[in-house]
């Protein structure tokens, strides 16, 4: 049993030449294939964004691997249903020495931290005792906390990323999921800078800011 490290977000796969694909699909709507030039995708993408023609962005998607996050984040992410998920199973994977996330508010309060770690140790002991008694992992897991870390693979299209960044990157969102989506934004901007140019990470407040209406 130990405290988890920093939230980690890895880009496993992204639609190749995503901005060119979006341009091609967008030009189908307007039959404007003859207007393709070296940089024409940038102009069209900005037009599509400005006109709220967001359905075209569903043709491109990205797959992320998210680690060192709590099961509490899993519950929030899976509310975004236009996405696909694969998650470490507590039914099949033994959690005899699980890692756990410590919220900053608790970490910075020595008394609260002591109580928190004491609770985690008791849960660990109880879980291990249940397994030792022959209780199946799928039933022993009922005592595991939201703090228990998990690994999430998530595939999501670009339009749904707009919604994710708008909701979960806002200052009103929970701190842990904000760190997740900020990591996602950093990665997708490297591959589709024009699509996501309306979003910026504000590292000072750990939020995502929009520089234009998206």
Protein backbone atom coordinates (compact mmCIF):
# COMPACT_ATOMS: atom_id res chain seq x y z
CA UNK A 1 0.00 0.00 0.00
CA UNK A 2 1.37 3.39 -0.97
CA UNK A 3 0.39 6.86 -2.13
CA UNK A 4 0.05 7.23 -5.88
CA UNK A 5 2.33 9.45 -7.93
CA UNK A 6 1.23 12.31 -10.17
CA UNK A 7 -1.62 11.86 -12.62
CA UNK A 8 -0.26 10.45 -15.88
CA UNK A 9 -1.90 10.75 -19.32
CA UNK A 10 -0.40 8.98 -22.33
CA UNK A 11 -1.58 9.27 -25.94
CA UNK A 12 -1.83 5.74 -27.31
CA UNK A 13 -3.26 6.61 -30.73
CA UNK A 14 -4.73 9.53 -32.63
CA UNK A 15 -6.30 9.72 -36.08
CA UNK A 16 -3.42 10.24 -38.55
CA UNK A 17 -3.51 13.59 -40.32
CA UNK A 18 -6.60 14.43 -38.28
CA UNK A 19 -6.91 18.02 -39.47
CA UNK A 20 -6.70 16.98 -43.11
CA UNK A 21 -9.38 14.35 -42.49
CA UNK A 22 -11.64 16.93 -40.88
CA UNK A 23 -11.08 19.24 -43.84
CA UNK A 24 -11.93 16.48 -46.31
CA UNK A 25 -15.15 15.59 -44.48
CA UNK A 26 -16.05 19.24 -44.13
CA UNK A 27 -15.57 19.84 -47.84
CA UNK A 28 -17.98 17.02 -48.60
CA UNK A 29 -20.68 19.17 -47.02
CA UNK A 30 -19.90 22.09 -49.31
CA UNK A 31 -18.53 20.23 -52.36
CA UNK A 32 -15.43 22.40 -52.20
CA UNK A 33 -12.68 19.82 -52.81
CA UNK A 34 -11.17 22.12 -55.43
CA UNK A 35 -10.22 24.61 -52.72
CA UNK A 36 -7.69 22.33 -51.02
CA UNK A 37 -4.25 23.91 -50.66
CA UNK A 38 -1.26 23.40 -48.38
CA UNK A 39 -2.83 25.33 -45.48
CA UNK A 40 -6.50 25.30 -46.46
CA UNK A 41 -7.40 22.96 -43.59
CA UNK A 42 -6.67 25.71 -41.07
CA UNK A 43 -9.08 28.16 -42.68
CA UNK A 44 -11.85 25.59 -43.04
CA UNK A 45 -11.45 24.27 -39.49
CA UNK A 46 -11.74 27.81 -38.12
CA UNK A 47 -14.83 28.34 -40.26
CA UNK A 48 -16.39 25.12 -39.00
CA UNK A 49 -15.70 26.11 -35.41
CA UNK A 50 -17.09 29.61 -35.86
CA UNK A 51 -20.25 28.30 -37.50
CA UNK A 52 -20.69 25.59 -34.82
CA UNK A 53 -20.55 22.87 -37.48
CA UNK A 54 -19.08 20.51 -34.89
CA UNK A 55 -20.35 17.19 -36.23
CA UNK A 56 -17.45 17.10 -38.70
CA UNK A 57 -15.03 16.82 -35.78
CA UNK A 58 -16.49 13.44 -34.83
CA UNK A 59 -14.49 11.82 -37.67
CA UNK A 60 -11.24 12.19 -35.71
CA UNK A 61 -10.54 10.58 -32.35
CA UNK A 62 -7.82 9.91 -29.80
CA UNK A 63 -7.07 7.09 -27.37
CA UNK A 64 -5.51 7.90 -24.00
CA UNK A 65 -4.12 5.79 -21.16
CA UNK A 66 -4.76 7.46 -17.81
CA UNK A 67 -2.90 6.19 -14.74
CA UNK A 68 -2.38 7.17 -11.09
CA UNK A 69 -5.98 8.34 -10.81
CA UNK A 70 -8.67 7.38 -8.33
CA UNK A 71 -11.84 5.40 -8.93
CA UNK A 72 -13.60 8.71 -8.19
CA UNK A 73 -12.24 10.07 -11.49
CA UNK A 74 -13.44 6.94 -13.28
CA UNK A 75 -16.98 7.67 -12.13
CA UNK A 76 -16.76 11.19 -13.55
CA UNK A 77 -15.16 10.27 -16.87
CA UNK A 78 -17.64 7.55 -17.72
CA UNK A 79 -20.47 10.06 -17.52
CA UNK A 80 -19.12 11.25 -20.88
CA UNK A 81 -20.88 8.51 -22.77
CA UNK A 82 -19.75 9.33 -26.32
CA UNK A 83 -16.48 7.53 -25.61
CA UNK A 84 -15.17 4.00 -25.14
CA UNK A 85 -13.45 2.76 -21.98
CA UNK A 86 -11.29 -0.12 -20.80
CA UNK A 87 -10.55 -0.16 -17.07
CA UNK A 88 -8.43 -2.26 -14.72
CA UNK A 89 -10.85 -4.77 -13.24
CA UNK A 90 -11.05 -5.13 -9.49
CA UNK A 91 -12.96 -8.34 -10.13
CA UNK A 92 -9.95 -10.06 -11.69
CA UNK A 93 -6.96 -8.05 -10.43
CA UNK A 94 -6.04 -8.55 -6.80
CA UNK A 95 -5.72 -5.30 -4.85
CA UNK A 96 -3.80 -6.70 -1.87
CA UNK A 97 -1.40 -3.73 -1.83
CA UNK A 98 -3.34 -1.02 -3.68
CA UNK A 99 -2.00 2.48 -4.31
CA UNK A 100 -4.24 5.37 -3.38
CA UNK A 101 -4.67 9.04 -4.24
CA UNK A 102 -4.27 11.64 -1.48
CA UNK A 103 -6.14 14.92 -2.10
CA UNK A 104 -4.00 18.01 -1.56
CA UNK A 105 -6.28 19.30 1.21
CA UNK A 106 -5.64 16.14 3.19
CA UNK A 107 -1.92 15.94 2.37
CA UNK A 108 -1.39 19.47 3.66
CA UNK A 109 -3.13 18.76 7.00
CA UNK A 110 -0.94 16.53 9.16
CA UNK A 111 -3.75 15.33 11.42
CA UNK A 112 -6.08 14.64 8.49
CA UNK A 113 -3.28 12.85 6.65
CA UNK A 114 -2.60 10.61 9.64
CA UNK A 115 -6.28 9.65 9.85
CA UNK A 116 -6.47 9.10 6.10
CA UNK A 117 -3.46 6.80 5.97
CA UNK A 118 -4.74 4.92 9.02
CA UNK A 119 -8.03 4.34 7.19
CA UNK A 120 -6.27 3.14 4.04
CA UNK A 121 -4.22 0.67 6.09
CA UNK A 122 -7.34 -0.69 7.78
CA UNK A 123 -9.03 -1.15 4.41
CA UNK A 124 -5.97 -2.95 3.09
CA UNK A 125 -5.93 -5.26 6.07
CA UNK A 126 -9.64 -5.97 5.77
CA UNK A 127 -9.43 -6.66 2.04
CA UNK A 128 -6.50 -9.03 2.47
CA UNK A 129 -8.25 -10.83 5.34
CA UNK A 130 -11.37 -11.35 3.25
CA UNK A 131 -9.31 -12.83 0.41
CA UNK A 132 -7.44 -14.99 2.91
CA UNK A 133 -10.80 -16.29 4.13
CA UNK A 134 -11.63 -17.42 0.61
CA UNK A 135 -13.87 -14.50 -0.35
CA UNK A 136 -13.78 -13.92 -4.10
CA UNK A 137 -12.02 -10.77 -5.30
CA UNK A 138 -15.27 -9.61 -6.88
CA UNK A 139 -16.82 -9.54 -3.40
CA UNK A 140 -13.78 -8.48 -1.38
CA UNK A 141 -13.51 -5.36 -3.58
CA UNK A 142 -16.67 -3.97 -1.96
CA UNK A 143 -14.52 -2.59 0.87
CA UNK A 144 -12.10 -0.77 -1.46
CA UNK A 145 -12.25 3.05 -1.41
CA UNK A 146 -12.74 5.64 -4.15
CA UNK A 147 -9.13 6.60 -3.41
CA UNK A 148 -7.89 3.30 -4.87
CA UNK A 149 -5.99 3.95 -8.10
CA UNK A 150 -6.95 2.56 -11.46
CA UNK A 151 -5.85 2.59 -15.09
CA UNK A 152 -8.26 3.82 -17.76
CA UNK A 153 -7.96 3.56 -21.54
CA UNK A 154 -10.31 6.05 -23.17
CA UNK A 155 -11.15 6.58 -26.85
CA UNK A 156 -13.04 9.76 -27.63
CA UNK A 157 -13.77 11.82 -30.74
CA UNK A 158 -12.73 15.44 -31.07
CA UNK A 159 -16.24 16.84 -30.74
CA UNK A 160 -16.67 15.03 -27.45
CA UNK A 161 -13.29 16.37 -26.36
CA UNK A 162 -14.70 19.89 -26.77
CA UNK A 163 -17.45 18.99 -24.30
CA UNK A 164 -14.99 17.28 -21.95
CA UNK A 165 -12.64 20.26 -21.90
CA UNK A 166 -15.52 22.73 -21.46
CA UNK A 167 -16.98 20.91 -18.47
CA UNK A 168 -14.03 19.22 -16.77
CA UNK A 169 -11.43 21.89 -17.41
CA UNK A 170 -13.51 24.56 -15.75
CA UNK A 171 -12.58 25.87 -12.29
CA UNK A 172 -15.83 24.44 -10.90
CA UNK A 173 -14.77 20.88 -11.81
CA UNK A 174 -13.11 18.53 -9.32
CA UNK A 175 -9.33 19.03 -9.05
CA UNK A 176 -8.25 15.53 -10.11
CA UNK A 177 -10.24 15.36 -13.32
CA UNK A 178 -9.03 18.85 -14.22
CA UNK A 179 -5.47 17.52 -14.11
CA UNK A 180 -6.49 14.61 -16.34
CA UNK A 181 -8.07 16.76 -19.04
CA UNK A 182 -5.24 19.27 -18.96
CA UNK A 183 -2.88 16.42 -19.78
CA UNK A 184 -5.16 15.31 -22.60
CA UNK A 185 -5.27 18.83 -24.05
CA UNK A 186 -1.48 19.11 -24.07
CA UNK A 187 -1.21 15.89 -26.09
CA UNK A 188 -3.92 16.52 -28.69
CA UNK A 189 -2.74 20.07 -29.36
CA UNK A 190 0.55 18.65 -30.61
CA UNK A 191 -1.28 16.71 -33.34
CA UNK A 192 -4.25 18.98 -34.07
CA UNK A 193 -3.19 22.51 -33.11
CA UNK A 194 -5.79 24.31 -35.22
CA UNK A 195 -8.69 22.23 -33.92
CA UNK A 196 -7.79 22.92 -30.29
CA UNK A 197 -6.30 26.40 -30.61
CA UNK A 198 -9.29 27.80 -28.72
CA UNK A 199 -8.16 26.01 -25.57
CA UNK A 200 -5.19 26.82 -23.34
CA UNK A 201 -3.90 25.26 -20.12
CA UNK A 202 -3.67 27.75 -17.28
CA UNK A 203 -1.08 26.08 -15.06
CA UNK A 204 -1.42 28.70 -12.36
CA UNK A 205 -5.04 27.81 -11.63
CA UNK A 206 -4.88 24.24 -12.99
CA UNK A 207 -7.78 24.94 -15.35
CA UNK A 208 -8.42 25.04 -19.09
CA UNK A 209 -9.25 28.44 -20.50
CA UNK A 210 -11.00 29.13 -23.76
CA UNK A 211 -9.69 31.94 -25.91
CA UNK A 212 -12.71 31.76 -28.22
CA UNK A 213 -16.22 30.31 -28.25
CA UNK A 214 -16.01 26.54 -28.75
